[in-house]
Protein backbone atom coordinates (compact mmCIF):
# COMPACT_ATOMS: atom_id res chain seq x y z
CA MET A 1 0.00 0.00 0.00
CA GLN A 2 2.85 2.35 0.81
CA GLN A 3 4.45 1.81 -2.61
CA VAL A 4 1.17 2.59 -4.35
CA THR A 5 0.80 5.82 -2.38
CA GLY A 6 4.28 6.94 -3.39
CA LEU A 7 3.63 6.06 -7.02
CA VAL A 8 0.35 7.99 -7.03
CA ALA A 9 2.03 11.01 -5.43
CA VAL A 10 4.90 11.10 -7.93
CA THR A 11 2.58 10.52 -10.88
CA GLY A 12 0.27 13.26 -9.62
CA VAL A 13 3.10 15.78 -9.35
CA PHE A 14 4.36 15.12 -12.87
CA THR A 15 0.85 15.07 -14.33
CA SER A 16 0.03 18.38 -12.65
CA ALA A 17 3.21 19.97 -14.01
CA ILE A 18 2.46 18.77 -17.54
CA VAL A 19 -1.16 19.98 -17.39
CA LEU A 20 -0.09 23.41 -16.10
CA LEU A 21 2.51 23.78 -18.84
CA TYR A 22 -0.03 22.76 -21.47
CA LEU A 23 -2.59 25.26 -20.20
CA PHE A 24 0.01 28.03 -20.05
CA PHE A 25 1.25 27.55 -23.60
CA ASN A 26 -2.22 26.88 -25.03
CA SER A 27 -3.69 30.07 -23.54
CA ARG A 28 -0.65 32.06 -24.64
CA HIS A 29 -1.12 30.78 -28.18
CA LYS A 30 -4.81 31.69 -28.17
CA ILE A 31 -4.02 35.21 -26.95
CA ARG A 32 -1.39 35.65 -29.66
CA MET A 33 -3.78 34.48 -32.36
CA ALA A 34 -6.49 36.84 -31.10
CA LEU A 35 -4.04 39.76 -31.16
CA ILE A 36 -2.89 38.92 -34.68
CA GLU A 37 -6.48 38.54 -35.93
CA SER A 38 -7.41 41.93 -34.50
CA GLY A 39 -4.42 43.51 -36.25
CA LYS A 40 -2.42 44.26 -33.12
CA SER A 41 1.20 43.39 -32.53
CA ALA A 42 2.07 40.31 -30.50
CA ASP A 43 5.35 41.85 -29.37
CA ILE A 44 4.21 41.95 -25.76
CA PHE A 45 5.32 38.33 -25.45
CA LYS A 46 8.91 39.03 -26.45
CA GLU A 47 11.25 39.11 -23.50
CA GLU A 48 14.45 41.08 -23.54
CA SER A 49 17.37 38.86 -22.68
CA SER A 50 19.33 40.06 -19.73
CA ARG A 51 23.07 40.11 -20.07
CA PHE A 52 23.29 39.29 -16.36
CA ALA A 53 21.00 36.23 -16.38
CA ALA A 54 23.86 33.78 -15.91
CA LEU A 55 25.19 35.88 -13.05
CA LYS A 56 21.83 35.67 -11.28
CA TYR A 57 21.70 31.89 -11.51
CA GLY A 58 25.36 31.57 -10.58
CA MET A 59 25.03 33.73 -7.48
CA THR A 60 21.90 31.84 -6.42
CA ALA A 61 23.60 28.46 -6.94
CA VAL A 62 26.65 29.57 -4.94
CA GLY A 63 24.36 30.81 -2.17
CA ILE A 64 22.47 27.52 -2.08
CA GLY A 65 25.73 25.55 -2.10
CA LEU A 66 27.10 27.60 0.79
CA GLY A 67 23.77 27.11 2.55
CA LEU A 68 24.05 23.33 2.23
CA LEU A 69 27.62 23.43 3.51
CA LEU A 70 26.73 25.65 6.45
CA GLY A 71 23.60 23.58 7.11
CA SER A 72 25.70 20.42 7.35
CA ALA A 73 28.01 22.09 9.84
CA LEU A 74 25.10 23.33 11.96
CA GLU A 75 23.34 19.96 11.81
CA SER A 76 26.21 18.17 13.43
CA GLU A 77 26.57 20.83 16.12
CA THR A 78 23.21 22.00 17.42
CA PHE A 79 20.10 21.76 15.21
CA PRO A 80 17.98 18.73 14.20
CA ALA A 81 18.40 17.28 10.69
CA PRO A 82 16.26 19.08 8.08
CA LEU A 83 16.08 22.54 9.68
CA PRO A 84 19.61 23.88 9.05
CA HIS A 85 19.79 22.68 5.44
CA PHE A 86 16.58 24.34 4.31
CA SER A 87 16.99 27.50 6.36
CA MET A 88 20.58 28.12 5.24
CA MET A 89 19.72 27.34 1.61
CA LEU A 90 16.90 29.89 1.66
CA ILE A 91 18.86 32.54 3.56
CA LEU A 92 22.02 32.35 1.45
CA GLY A 93 20.17 31.76 -1.83
CA GLY A 94 18.07 34.85 -1.11
CA GLY A 95 21.23 36.73 -0.18
CA GLY A 96 22.69 35.85 -3.57
CA LEU A 97 19.60 37.24 -5.30
CA ILE A 98 19.79 40.45 -3.24
CA LEU A 99 23.47 40.88 -4.14
CA TYR A 100 22.57 40.31 -7.80
CA TYR A 101 19.88 42.99 -7.59
CA LEU A 102 22.30 45.49 -6.03
CA PHE A 103 24.94 44.71 -8.66
CA VAL A 104 22.55 45.14 -11.60
CA LYS A 105 21.10 48.32 -10.11
CA LYS A 106 24.61 49.72 -9.75
CA GLN A 107 25.42 48.82 -13.37
CA GLU A 108 22.23 50.43 -14.65
CA ASP A 109 22.84 53.62 -12.67
CA GLY A 110 26.20 54.15 -14.33
CA GLY A 111 28.56 51.81 -12.58
CA ASP A 112 30.61 54.47 -10.80
CA LYS A 113 28.30 55.05 -7.82
CA THR A 114 28.50 53.01 -4.65
CA VAL A 115 25.46 51.13 -3.44
C-alpha cells in the first residue's frame, strides 16, 4: 500500500506539471492568435534577454551551495536534521539574489556610484 501511495504522489506531481505547462502555452497561443487577428502586434510576449541572467543563476547556486555546507556544519553541532539545510539554503540563496539585484542596479545607474 505504501508503494502505491508513493507512485500515485509522484505521478500526480508530474501530471500536474504537464497539465499546467499545457494550459500556459495553449492560452498564450490563443491570446497571440487573437491579437494577430485583431491587427495588433504580439510583441508583448517578447522578452528582452538580460546580459546578467547567468550571473543571477550563478550567485543563487553559490548561495544555495554555501547554505548546504553551512547547514551540514550546523546539523552536526546544534540543530535537528532538516532545519539547518533548508533554512541556510533559503537565507544564502536569497542573499545571492539580493546581491545580484544590487549589482545590476549599480550597473544600470552608471557603474561608478556606490550602493
